[in-house]
N, C-alpha and C. Protein backbone atom coordinates (compact mmCIF):
# COMPACT_ATOMS: atom_id res chain seq x y z
N MET A 1 1.05 -1.02 -0.18
CA MET A 1 -0.22 0.37 0.06
C MET A 1 1.12 1.01 -0.09
N ALA A 2 0.27 2.44 -0.32
CA ALA A 2 1.15 3.45 -0.58
C ALA A 2 1.23 4.11 0.85
N GLU A 3 2.46 4.65 1.13
CA GLU A 3 2.35 5.12 2.68
C GLU A 3 1.99 6.46 2.13
N ILE A 4 1.39 7.11 3.38
CA ILE A 4 0.49 8.52 3.56
C ILE A 4 1.93 9.32 4.34
N ASN A 5 2.02 10.48 3.78
CA ASN A 5 3.08 11.62 4.97
C ASN A 5 2.65 12.65 5.01
N ILE A 6 2.03 13.10 6.10
CA ILE A 6 1.66 14.31 6.41
C ILE A 6 2.61 15.30 6.94
N PRO A 7 2.50 16.36 6.39
CA PRO A 7 3.95 17.48 6.17
C PRO A 7 3.21 18.27 7.72
N ALA A 8 4.20 18.52 8.44
CA ALA A 8 3.68 19.34 9.56
C ALA A 8 3.15 21.15 9.51
N ALA A 9 2.19 21.62 10.02
CA ALA A 9 1.75 22.78 9.26
C ALA A 9 2.67 23.62 10.06
N GLY A 10 3.07 23.66 11.01
CA GLY A 10 3.97 24.62 11.16
C GLY A 10 5.82 24.65 10.97
N GLY A 11 5.86 22.99 10.39
CA GLY A 11 7.60 23.17 10.41
C GLY A 11 8.23 23.12 11.37
N LYS A 12 7.93 23.72 12.63
CA LYS A 12 8.69 23.40 13.57
C LYS A 12 8.51 22.20 14.55
N LYS A 13 6.91 22.10 14.47
CA LYS A 13 6.51 20.55 14.82
C LYS A 13 6.69 19.49 14.22
N THR A 14 7.39 18.29 14.68
CA THR A 14 7.22 17.65 14.05
C THR A 14 5.67 16.66 13.65
N GLY A 15 5.38 15.94 12.64
CA GLY A 15 4.59 15.52 12.55
C GLY A 15 3.90 13.95 12.76
N VAL A 16 3.31 13.62 13.49
CA VAL A 16 2.78 12.37 13.32
C VAL A 16 2.80 11.55 12.84
N ARG A 17 3.74 10.64 12.87
CA ARG A 17 4.52 9.59 12.11
C ARG A 17 3.57 8.32 12.19
N ARG A 18 2.90 8.33 11.66
CA ARG A 18 1.72 6.93 11.36
C ARG A 18 2.34 5.41 11.01
N SER A 19 2.41 4.66 12.09
CA SER A 19 3.23 3.09 11.61
C SER A 19 3.23 2.82 10.01
N LYS A 20 4.00 1.93 9.83
CA LYS A 20 3.91 2.04 8.07
C LYS A 20 3.14 0.30 7.94
N LYS A 21 2.66 0.29 6.70
CA LYS A 21 1.18 -0.34 6.85
C LYS A 21 2.11 -1.71 5.92
N HIS A 22 1.99 -3.17 5.99
CA HIS A 22 2.71 -4.43 5.16
C HIS A 22 1.60 -5.13 4.55
N SER A 23 1.48 -5.01 3.16
CA SER A 23 0.81 -6.04 2.87
C SER A 23 0.38 -6.85 3.37
N THR A 24 0.06 -7.80 3.57
CA THR A 24 -0.54 -8.73 3.96
C THR A 24 -0.19 -10.10 2.59
N ARG A 25 0.63 -11.00 2.45
CA ARG A 25 0.25 -11.93 2.26
C ARG A 25 0.07 -13.27 2.11
N VAL A 26 -1.17 -14.41 1.72
CA VAL A 26 -0.90 -15.82 2.61
C VAL A 26 -0.56 -16.36 1.17
N ASP A 27 0.00 -16.90 1.45
CA ASP A 27 0.80 -18.50 1.20
C ASP A 27 -0.18 -19.55 1.29
N LEU A 28 -0.70 -20.02 -0.12
CA LEU A 28 -1.99 -21.03 -0.50
C LEU A 28 -1.39 -22.18 -0.66
N THR A 29 0.17 -22.69 -1.06
CA THR A 29 0.67 -24.06 -1.13
C THR A 29 0.61 -24.76 -0.19
N PRO A 30 0.68 -24.49 1.18
CA PRO A 30 0.18 -25.78 1.96
C PRO A 30 -0.87 -25.93 1.95
N MET A 31 -2.43 -24.82 1.76
CA MET A 31 -3.73 -25.69 1.72
C MET A 31 -3.66 -25.90 0.31
N VAL A 32 -2.98 -25.95 -0.84
CA VAL A 32 -3.51 -26.61 -1.78
C VAL A 32 -2.50 -28.21 -1.81
N ASP A 33 -1.89 -28.02 -1.15
CA ASP A 33 -1.32 -29.39 -0.40
C ASP A 33 -2.10 -30.88 -0.04
N LEU A 34 -2.31 -29.50 1.07
CA LEU A 34 -3.49 -30.24 1.56
C LEU A 34 -4.74 -30.95 1.32
N GLY A 35 -5.21 -29.71 0.52
CA GLY A 35 -6.36 -30.78 -0.48
C GLY A 35 -6.00 -31.46 -1.57
N PHE A 36 -5.08 -31.86 -2.21
CA PHE A 36 -4.30 -32.72 -2.63
C PHE A 36 -4.39 -34.34 -1.81
N LEU A 37 -3.98 -33.64 -0.52
CA LEU A 37 -3.43 -35.36 0.36
C LEU A 37 -5.13 -35.65 0.42
N LEU A 38 -6.03 -34.53 0.65
CA LEU A 38 -7.36 -34.74 1.54
C LEU A 38 -8.21 -35.64 0.32
N ILE A 39 -7.80 -35.87 -0.52
CA ILE A 39 -8.75 -36.07 -2.53
C ILE A 39 -8.61 -37.05 -2.31
N THR A 40 -6.94 -37.03 -2.36
CA THR A 40 -6.38 -38.31 -2.55
C THR A 40 -6.96 -39.88 -1.54
N PHE A 41 -6.60 -38.82 -0.44
CA PHE A 41 -6.86 -39.96 0.53
C PHE A 41 -8.21 -40.31 0.65
N PHE A 42 -9.52 -39.56 0.05
CA PHE A 42 -10.73 -40.16 0.16
C PHE A 42 -11.25 -40.96 -0.87
N ILE A 43 -10.18 -40.66 -1.95
CA ILE A 43 -10.12 -41.93 -3.38
C ILE A 43 -9.67 -43.02 -2.88
N PHE A 44 -8.72 -43.58 -1.96
CA PHE A 44 -8.20 -44.67 -2.03
C PHE A 44 -8.60 -44.90 -1.27
N THR A 45 -10.10 -44.31 0.04
CA THR A 45 -10.59 -45.05 0.87
C THR A 45 -11.74 -45.73 0.95
N THR A 46 -12.77 -45.08 -0.88
CA THR A 46 -14.05 -45.17 -0.71
C THR A 46 -14.09 -46.63 -1.57
N SER A 47 -15.01 -46.46 -1.26
CA SER A 47 -15.29 -48.51 -2.42
C SER A 47 -16.13 -48.14 -4.02
N MET A 48 -15.66 -48.25 -4.77
CA MET A 48 -16.32 -47.93 -6.16
C MET A 48 -17.56 -48.60 -6.07
N SER A 49 -18.65 -48.26 -6.32
CA SER A 49 -19.84 -49.08 -6.64
C SER A 49 -20.13 -50.41 -7.54
N SER A 50 -20.20 -51.33 -6.98
CA SER A 50 -19.26 -53.09 -8.15
C SER A 50 -21.05 -52.85 -9.24
N PRO A 51 -20.86 -53.17 -10.62
CA PRO A 51 -22.04 -53.07 -11.28
C PRO A 51 -23.20 -54.58 -10.64
N ARG A 52 -24.12 -54.49 -10.60
CA ARG A 52 -25.19 -55.29 -10.44
C ARG A 52 -25.75 -55.59 -11.94
N ALA A 53 -25.76 -57.31 -11.46
CA ALA A 53 -26.25 -58.02 -13.25
C ALA A 53 -27.32 -58.92 -12.81
N MET A 54 -27.95 -59.58 -13.03
CA MET A 54 -29.03 -60.52 -12.92
C MET A 54 -28.33 -62.11 -12.75
N ASN A 55 -28.67 -62.74 -12.04
CA ASN A 55 -28.59 -63.90 -11.61
C ASN A 55 -28.84 -64.51 -12.66
N LEU A 56 -27.88 -65.33 -13.13
CA LEU A 56 -27.94 -66.43 -14.56
C LEU A 56 -27.99 -67.87 -13.99
N ALA A 57 -29.23 -68.56 -13.87
CA ALA A 57 -28.45 -69.72 -13.67
C ALA A 57 -28.19 -70.57 -15.28
N MET A 58 -26.88 -71.19 -15.14
CA MET A 58 -26.20 -72.37 -16.39
C MET A 58 -26.92 -73.62 -16.37
N PRO A 59 -27.27 -74.56 -17.42
CA PRO A 59 -27.20 -75.74 -16.86
C PRO A 59 -25.72 -76.38 -16.94
N LYS A 60 -25.89 -77.39 -16.57
CA LYS A 60 -24.98 -78.06 -16.35
C LYS A 60 -24.32 -79.12 -17.61
N ASP A 61 -22.69 -78.70 -17.81
CA ASP A 61 -22.26 -79.16 -19.01
C ASP A 61 -22.43 -80.88 -19.41
N THR A 62 -23.43 -81.49 -20.22
CA THR A 62 -24.25 -82.69 -20.32
C THR A 62 -23.83 -83.20 -21.54
N PRO A 63 -23.43 -84.54 -22.51
CA PRO A 63 -23.79 -84.42 -23.25
C PRO A 63 -24.88 -84.02 -24.13
N PRO A 64 -24.83 -83.91 -25.37
CA PRO A 64 -25.71 -83.46 -25.94
C PRO A 64 -27.30 -84.64 -26.20
N ASP A 65 -26.72 -85.82 -26.08
CA ASP A 65 -27.60 -86.44 -26.10
C ASP A 65 -28.48 -86.84 -24.67
N LYS A 66 -28.29 -86.28 -23.71
CA LYS A 66 -28.38 -86.58 -22.64
C LYS A 66 -28.73 -85.06 -21.85
N GLN A 67 -28.60 -84.38 -22.76
CA GLN A 67 -29.66 -82.92 -22.06
C GLN A 67 -30.58 -83.25 -22.02
N ASN A 68 -31.17 -81.79 -21.23
CA ASN A 68 -32.51 -82.36 -20.23
C ASN A 68 -33.84 -81.92 -21.46
N GLN A 69 -34.57 -83.07 -21.56
CA GLN A 69 -35.04 -82.69 -22.61
C GLN A 69 -37.04 -82.14 -22.00
N VAL A 70 -37.24 -81.02 -22.38
CA VAL A 70 -38.53 -80.50 -22.02
C VAL A 70 -39.69 -81.42 -22.60
N PRO A 71 -40.67 -82.12 -22.45
CA PRO A 71 -41.86 -82.51 -22.34
C PRO A 71 -42.50 -80.80 -23.29
N GLU A 72 -43.20 -81.26 -23.94
CA GLU A 72 -43.63 -80.95 -25.33
C GLU A 72 -45.43 -80.25 -24.51
N SER A 73 -45.25 -80.85 -23.78
CA SER A 73 -47.13 -80.47 -23.07
C SER A 73 -46.33 -79.33 -21.89
N ASN A 74 -45.16 -79.15 -21.82
CA ASN A 74 -44.75 -78.60 -20.43
C ASN A 74 -43.89 -77.07 -21.41
N ALA A 75 -44.16 -76.82 -22.88
CA ALA A 75 -43.33 -76.43 -23.15
C ALA A 75 -44.10 -74.98 -24.21
N LEU A 76 -43.60 -73.65 -24.13
CA LEU A 76 -44.31 -72.23 -24.43
C LEU A 76 -43.05 -71.77 -24.81
N THR A 77 -43.36 -71.23 -26.52
CA THR A 77 -42.32 -70.35 -27.36
C THR A 77 -43.45 -69.85 -27.49
N VAL A 78 -42.25 -68.12 -27.46
CA VAL A 78 -42.56 -66.72 -26.87
C VAL A 78 -41.62 -65.54 -28.48
N ILE A 79 -42.62 -65.31 -29.38
CA ILE A 79 -41.63 -64.90 -30.17
C ILE A 79 -42.03 -63.62 -30.05
N PRO A 80 -40.94 -62.57 -29.66
CA PRO A 80 -41.65 -60.96 -29.72
C PRO A 80 -41.27 -60.68 -30.94
N LEU A 81 -42.30 -60.08 -31.63
CA LEU A 81 -42.41 -59.53 -33.33
C LEU A 81 -42.31 -57.69 -33.50
N ASN A 82 -42.17 -57.48 -34.30
CA ASN A 82 -41.71 -56.13 -33.94
C ASN A 82 -43.53 -55.61 -34.12
N GLY A 83 -43.36 -54.33 -33.78
CA GLY A 83 -44.73 -53.72 -33.73
C GLY A 83 -45.74 -54.11 -32.31
N ASP A 84 -45.25 -54.52 -31.59
CA ASP A 84 -45.74 -54.81 -29.88
C ASP A 84 -46.67 -55.99 -30.31
N LYS A 85 -46.07 -56.97 -31.16
CA LYS A 85 -46.98 -58.27 -31.10
C LYS A 85 -46.08 -59.31 -30.87
N ILE A 86 -46.67 -60.49 -30.75
CA ILE A 86 -45.49 -61.90 -30.05
C ILE A 86 -46.30 -62.43 -30.84
N PHE A 87 -45.98 -63.59 -31.32
CA PHE A 87 -46.37 -64.87 -32.02
C PHE A 87 -45.58 -66.56 -31.11
N TYR A 88 -47.09 -66.96 -30.34
CA TYR A 88 -46.36 -67.34 -29.29
C TYR A 88 -47.39 -69.25 -29.95
N TYR A 89 -46.44 -70.64 -29.26
CA TYR A 89 -47.10 -71.79 -29.87
C TYR A 89 -46.66 -72.32 -28.55
N HIS A 90 -47.36 -73.81 -27.98
CA HIS A 90 -47.36 -74.26 -27.10
C HIS A 90 -46.59 -75.59 -27.98
N GLY A 91 -45.16 -76.01 -27.06
CA GLY A 91 -45.04 -77.24 -27.96
C GLY A 91 -44.37 -77.36 -28.82
N ASP A 92 -44.16 -78.06 -29.56
CA ASP A 92 -43.14 -77.57 -31.11
C ASP A 92 -44.19 -77.09 -31.83
N LEU A 93 -43.25 -76.71 -32.75
CA LEU A 93 -43.81 -76.26 -33.59
C LEU A 93 -45.22 -76.31 -34.80
N ASN A 94 -44.37 -77.29 -35.63
CA ASN A 94 -45.19 -78.22 -36.57
C ASN A 94 -46.46 -78.99 -36.22
N ASP A 95 -46.31 -79.17 -34.57
CA ASP A 95 -47.75 -79.81 -33.70
C ASP A 95 -48.39 -79.14 -33.61
N ALA A 96 -47.97 -77.30 -33.37
CA ALA A 96 -48.53 -76.32 -32.94
C ALA A 96 -49.38 -76.15 -34.38
N LEU A 97 -49.10 -75.58 -34.75
CA LEU A 97 -49.65 -75.55 -36.19
C LEU A 97 -50.21 -76.73 -36.74
N LYS A 98 -50.52 -77.74 -36.76
CA LYS A 98 -51.50 -79.13 -36.96
C LYS A 98 -52.52 -78.94 -36.30
N ALA A 99 -52.00 -78.72 -34.36
CA ALA A 99 -53.47 -79.08 -33.85
C ALA A 99 -53.88 -77.70 -32.97
N ASN A 100 -53.77 -76.29 -33.76
CA ASN A 100 -53.95 -74.88 -34.12
C ASN A 100 -53.80 -74.52 -32.41
N THR A 101 -52.78 -75.09 -31.97
CA THR A 101 -52.20 -74.47 -30.63
C THR A 101 -51.35 -73.00 -30.23
N TYR A 102 -51.68 -72.30 -31.20
CA TYR A 102 -50.75 -70.87 -31.61
C TYR A 102 -51.51 -70.05 -31.91
N GLY A 103 -50.61 -68.25 -31.84
CA GLY A 103 -51.29 -67.48 -32.05
C GLY A 103 -51.02 -65.79 -31.86
N VAL A 104 -51.31 -65.26 -31.99
CA VAL A 104 -50.42 -63.70 -32.05
C VAL A 104 -51.16 -63.02 -31.25
N THR A 105 -50.40 -62.38 -30.16
CA THR A 105 -51.15 -61.64 -29.22
C THR A 105 -50.46 -60.45 -28.77
N ASN A 106 -50.14 -59.39 -27.69
CA ASN A 106 -49.40 -58.44 -27.59
C ASN A 106 -49.28 -58.23 -25.66
N TYR A 107 -49.26 -57.63 -25.64
CA TYR A 107 -48.74 -57.05 -24.13
C TYR A 107 -49.78 -56.22 -22.85
N SER A 108 -51.16 -56.23 -24.07
CA SER A 108 -51.79 -56.15 -22.64
C SER A 108 -52.07 -56.95 -21.53
N VAL A 109 -52.51 -56.07 -20.50
CA VAL A 109 -52.69 -56.93 -19.34
C VAL A 109 -53.95 -57.79 -19.25
N THR A 110 -55.22 -57.79 -20.03
CA THR A 110 -56.54 -58.79 -19.82
C THR A 110 -56.04 -60.05 -21.13
N GLU A 111 -55.75 -59.35 -21.91
CA GLU A 111 -55.44 -60.73 -23.14
C GLU A 111 -54.11 -60.85 -23.84
N GLY A 112 -52.84 -60.43 -22.82
CA GLY A 112 -52.10 -59.86 -23.80
C GLY A 112 -50.85 -61.64 -23.28
N ILE A 113 -49.72 -61.26 -23.61
CA ILE A 113 -49.23 -62.39 -22.92
C ILE A 113 -48.98 -62.99 -21.36
N GLY A 114 -49.09 -62.42 -20.93
CA GLY A 114 -48.88 -62.76 -18.93
C GLY A 114 -49.92 -63.18 -19.15
N GLN A 115 -51.46 -63.49 -19.71
CA GLN A 115 -52.80 -64.07 -19.79
C GLN A 115 -52.18 -65.50 -20.61
N ILE A 116 -51.55 -65.26 -21.50
CA ILE A 116 -51.45 -66.90 -22.09
C ILE A 116 -50.79 -67.20 -20.61
N VAL A 117 -49.75 -66.98 -20.45
CA VAL A 117 -48.89 -67.52 -19.67
C VAL A 117 -49.46 -68.23 -18.49
N ARG A 118 -50.52 -67.33 -18.23
CA ARG A 118 -51.14 -67.89 -16.76
C ARG A 118 -52.48 -69.22 -17.40
N THR A 119 -52.61 -68.79 -17.98
CA THR A 119 -53.28 -69.93 -18.91
C THR A 119 -52.76 -71.79 -18.70
N LYS A 120 -51.43 -71.66 -19.25
CA LYS A 120 -50.80 -72.24 -19.16
C LYS A 120 -50.79 -73.10 -18.08
N GLN A 121 -49.87 -72.02 -17.16
CA GLN A 121 -49.68 -72.72 -15.86
C GLN A 121 -51.23 -73.02 -15.07
N VAL A 122 -52.32 -72.61 -15.63
CA VAL A 122 -53.15 -73.19 -14.90
C VAL A 122 -53.70 -74.41 -15.52
N ILE A 123 -53.31 -74.69 -16.51
CA ILE A 123 -53.66 -76.05 -17.23
C ILE A 123 -52.22 -76.89 -16.86
N LEU A 124 -51.28 -76.74 -16.92
CA LEU A 124 -50.51 -77.67 -15.89
C LEU A 124 -50.68 -77.87 -15.09
N ASN A 125 -51.43 -77.13 -13.77
CA ASN A 125 -51.98 -77.46 -12.52
C ASN A 125 -52.54 -78.21 -12.26
N ARG A 126 -53.77 -78.05 -13.15
CA ARG A 126 -55.16 -79.22 -13.29
C ARG A 126 -54.28 -80.70 -13.48
N LYS A 127 -53.41 -81.00 -14.65
CA LYS A 127 -53.47 -81.99 -14.36
C LYS A 127 -52.39 -82.87 -13.72
N LYS A 128 -51.54 -81.74 -12.86
CA LYS A 128 -50.77 -83.00 -11.65
C LYS A 128 -50.55 -81.44 -10.42
N PRO A 129 -51.05 -80.89 -9.48
CA PRO A 129 -50.93 -80.24 -8.59
C PRO A 129 -49.38 -79.82 -8.89
N GLY A 130 -48.80 -78.65 -8.55
CA GLY A 130 -47.91 -77.86 -8.59
C GLY A 130 -46.77 -78.15 -9.43
N ASN A 131 -47.46 -78.68 -10.74
CA ASN A 131 -47.10 -78.81 -12.21
C ASN A 131 -46.94 -77.37 -13.12
N ARG A 132 -47.15 -76.38 -12.12
CA ARG A 132 -47.42 -75.14 -12.61
C ARG A 132 -45.54 -74.58 -12.88
N ASP A 133 -44.56 -75.27 -12.16
CA ASP A 133 -43.61 -75.04 -11.81
C ASP A 133 -42.48 -75.66 -13.09
N GLU A 134 -43.12 -76.62 -13.38
CA GLU A 134 -42.42 -77.23 -14.26
C GLU A 134 -42.57 -76.56 -16.02
N LEU A 135 -43.80 -75.39 -16.18
CA LEU A 135 -43.17 -74.78 -17.19
C LEU A 135 -42.23 -74.14 -17.87
N VAL A 136 -42.16 -74.38 -19.29
CA VAL A 136 -40.18 -74.34 -19.81
C VAL A 136 -40.75 -73.02 -20.78
N VAL A 137 -41.26 -71.82 -20.72
CA VAL A 137 -41.12 -70.60 -21.90
C VAL A 137 -39.47 -70.35 -22.75
N MET A 138 -39.37 -70.60 -24.13
CA MET A 138 -38.71 -70.43 -24.66
C MET A 138 -38.92 -68.70 -25.27
N ILE A 139 -37.82 -67.64 -25.42
CA ILE A 139 -38.23 -66.31 -25.52
C ILE A 139 -36.90 -65.78 -26.56
N LYS A 140 -37.91 -66.03 -27.95
CA LYS A 140 -36.89 -66.40 -29.39
C LYS A 140 -37.18 -64.89 -29.93
N PRO A 141 -36.78 -63.82 -29.73
CA PRO A 141 -37.14 -62.49 -30.14
C PRO A 141 -36.22 -62.43 -31.75
N THR A 142 -37.08 -61.92 -32.48
CA THR A 142 -37.07 -61.45 -34.33
C THR A 142 -35.71 -60.31 -33.97
N PRO A 143 -35.19 -60.25 -35.02
CA PRO A 143 -33.99 -59.06 -35.23
C PRO A 143 -34.72 -57.55 -35.26
N GLU A 144 -36.06 -57.62 -35.52
CA GLU A 144 -36.99 -56.95 -36.09
C GLU A 144 -37.68 -56.29 -34.69
N SER A 145 -37.42 -57.19 -33.74
CA SER A 145 -38.31 -56.79 -32.18
C SER A 145 -36.97 -55.28 -31.65
N ASN A 146 -37.52 -54.84 -30.94
CA ASN A 146 -37.09 -53.98 -30.29
C ASN A 146 -36.42 -54.22 -28.49
N TYR A 147 -35.61 -53.80 -28.12
CA TYR A 147 -35.24 -54.35 -26.78
C TYR A 147 -35.76 -54.41 -25.62
N GLU A 148 -37.06 -53.29 -25.96
CA GLU A 148 -38.48 -52.89 -25.18
C GLU A 148 -39.02 -53.98 -24.74
N ASN A 149 -38.98 -54.55 -26.04
CA ASN A 149 -39.98 -55.90 -26.32
C ASN A 149 -39.88 -56.81 -25.22
N LEU A 150 -38.22 -57.19 -25.79
CA LEU A 150 -37.71 -58.16 -24.62
C LEU A 150 -37.70 -58.07 -23.52
N VAL A 151 -38.00 -57.14 -22.92
CA VAL A 151 -37.73 -56.52 -21.51
C VAL A 151 -39.24 -56.98 -21.45
N SER A 152 -39.96 -56.41 -21.59
CA SER A 152 -41.67 -56.97 -21.02
C SER A 152 -42.16 -57.86 -21.45
N VAL A 153 -41.51 -58.94 -22.03
CA VAL A 153 -41.26 -60.40 -22.59
C VAL A 153 -40.97 -60.89 -21.19
N LEU A 154 -39.74 -61.13 -20.61
CA LEU A 154 -39.06 -61.19 -19.38
C LEU A 154 -39.40 -60.69 -17.79
N ASP A 155 -40.31 -59.37 -17.84
CA ASP A 155 -41.03 -59.02 -17.18
C ASP A 155 -42.32 -59.75 -16.14
N GLU A 156 -43.09 -60.60 -18.04
CA GLU A 156 -43.92 -60.82 -17.51
C GLU A 156 -43.31 -62.35 -16.98
N MET A 157 -42.55 -62.36 -17.60
CA MET A 157 -41.70 -64.02 -16.80
C MET A 157 -42.03 -63.87 -15.37
N LEU A 158 -41.39 -62.49 -14.82
CA LEU A 158 -41.05 -62.30 -13.63
C LEU A 158 -42.43 -62.20 -12.81
N ILE A 159 -43.37 -61.42 -13.48
CA ILE A 159 -44.51 -61.13 -12.53
C ILE A 159 -45.42 -62.17 -12.74
N ASN A 160 -45.54 -63.18 -13.69
CA ASN A 160 -46.49 -64.69 -13.16
C ASN A 160 -45.54 -66.06 -12.95
N ASP A 161 -44.18 -65.75 -12.29
CA ASP A 161 -43.29 -66.57 -11.30
C ASP A 161 -43.04 -67.97 -12.35
N VAL A 162 -42.56 -67.46 -13.73
CA VAL A 162 -42.24 -68.55 -13.94
C VAL A 162 -40.81 -68.78 -13.91
N LYS A 163 -40.63 -70.12 -13.31
CA LYS A 163 -39.11 -70.49 -12.61
C LYS A 163 -37.68 -70.77 -14.02
N ARG A 164 -38.58 -71.06 -15.06
CA ARG A 164 -37.52 -71.82 -15.77
C ARG A 164 -37.88 -71.11 -17.42
N TYR A 165 -36.97 -70.27 -17.66
CA TYR A 165 -37.37 -69.41 -19.09
C TYR A 165 -35.92 -69.50 -19.30
N ALA A 166 -35.80 -69.07 -20.79
CA ALA A 166 -34.16 -68.93 -21.51
C ALA A 166 -34.63 -68.37 -22.94
N VAL A 167 -33.72 -67.31 -23.04
CA VAL A 167 -33.88 -66.51 -23.78
C VAL A 167 -32.64 -67.47 -25.67
N MET A 168 -33.67 -67.75 -26.30
CA MET A 168 -32.71 -68.53 -26.91
C MET A 168 -32.77 -67.92 -28.68
N ASP A 169 -32.03 -68.22 -29.96
CA ASP A 169 -32.21 -68.43 -31.19
C ASP A 169 -33.17 -68.39 -31.66
N LEU A 170 -33.63 -67.64 -32.68
CA LEU A 170 -34.64 -67.88 -33.46
C LEU A 170 -34.70 -68.18 -34.83
N THR A 171 -35.03 -69.76 -35.39
CA THR A 171 -34.83 -70.42 -36.49
C THR A 171 -35.46 -69.42 -37.36
N PRO A 172 -34.80 -69.97 -38.54
CA PRO A 172 -35.54 -69.00 -39.92
C PRO A 172 -36.68 -69.29 -40.18
N GLU A 173 -37.38 -70.97 -39.64
CA GLU A 173 -38.37 -71.72 -40.29
C GLU A 173 -39.45 -70.85 -38.79
N GLU A 174 -39.09 -70.59 -37.96
CA GLU A 174 -39.78 -70.26 -36.92
C GLU A 174 -39.82 -68.12 -37.40
N LYS A 175 -38.88 -68.48 -37.48
CA LYS A 175 -38.98 -66.63 -38.35
C LYS A 175 -40.40 -66.11 -39.30
N GLU A 176 -40.39 -67.16 -40.61
CA GLU A 176 -41.03 -67.47 -41.68
C GLU A 176 -42.64 -67.55 -41.16
N ILE A 177 -42.75 -68.46 -40.23
CA ILE A 177 -43.90 -68.96 -39.74
C ILE A 177 -44.63 -67.51 -39.16
N ALA A 178 -43.51 -67.40 -37.78
CA ALA A 178 -44.61 -66.33 -37.09
C ALA A 178 -44.67 -64.89 -37.56
N LEU A 179 -43.53 -64.64 -38.76
CA LEU A 179 -44.31 -63.13 -39.56
C LEU A 179 -45.83 -63.95 -40.24
N ALA A 180 -45.53 -64.71 -40.91
CA ALA A 180 -46.72 -64.96 -41.47
C ALA A 180 -48.16 -64.92 -40.89
N LYS A 181 -47.89 -65.50 -39.68
CA LYS A 181 -48.72 -65.12 -38.81
C LYS A 181 -48.96 -64.15 -38.18
N SER A 182 -48.71 -63.52 -37.89
CA SER A 182 -48.71 -62.17 -37.54
C SER A 182 -49.28 -61.33 -38.36
N GLU A 183 -49.04 -61.09 -40.02
CA GLU A 183 -49.58 -60.31 -40.92
C GLU A 183 -51.17 -60.93 -41.11
N LEU A 184 -51.18 -61.73 -40.96
CA LEU A 184 -52.89 -62.37 -41.05
C LEU A 184 -53.84 -61.90 -40.12
N GLN A 185 -53.48 -61.66 -38.80
CA GLN A 185 -53.87 -60.84 -37.74
C GLN A 185 -53.81 -59.32 -37.38
């Protein structure tokens, strides 16, 4: 800061001297060092959140001839299509086409895929009490269906307490028939 000198009025008197003011300078180097030390400490002591994933139950490795075979009466195949349509059939595709046990539905609460799954569970439970847990749903999305369709079908499996379901590849024959039958309805 500047120093102000006030001269004496009469010349003989000495003026009142003021004390010299020094500028205040704060050295922030130790503060910056402390800040970096604290940041480093908290980075090393915090635990990063680990990613969550869905539990995936994989079957045991068995030879192809001894793999678990699903009875056709317990099988339901669901094929999500574009336009929020779902093609489904019970058992084997060729047998379902002959017996007319297939259909096209949507994601409606009252008459959608959830209702189809619940009806299948009731039928299995009538055959043998507790047999509803033996239902196996095979989900085979088409390349034209979107991710939301697949998630909606998986949600229906969770809502209806389906214990055994799998996301599988779609065969060309299934794709052709599903698209042809969905265009008719």
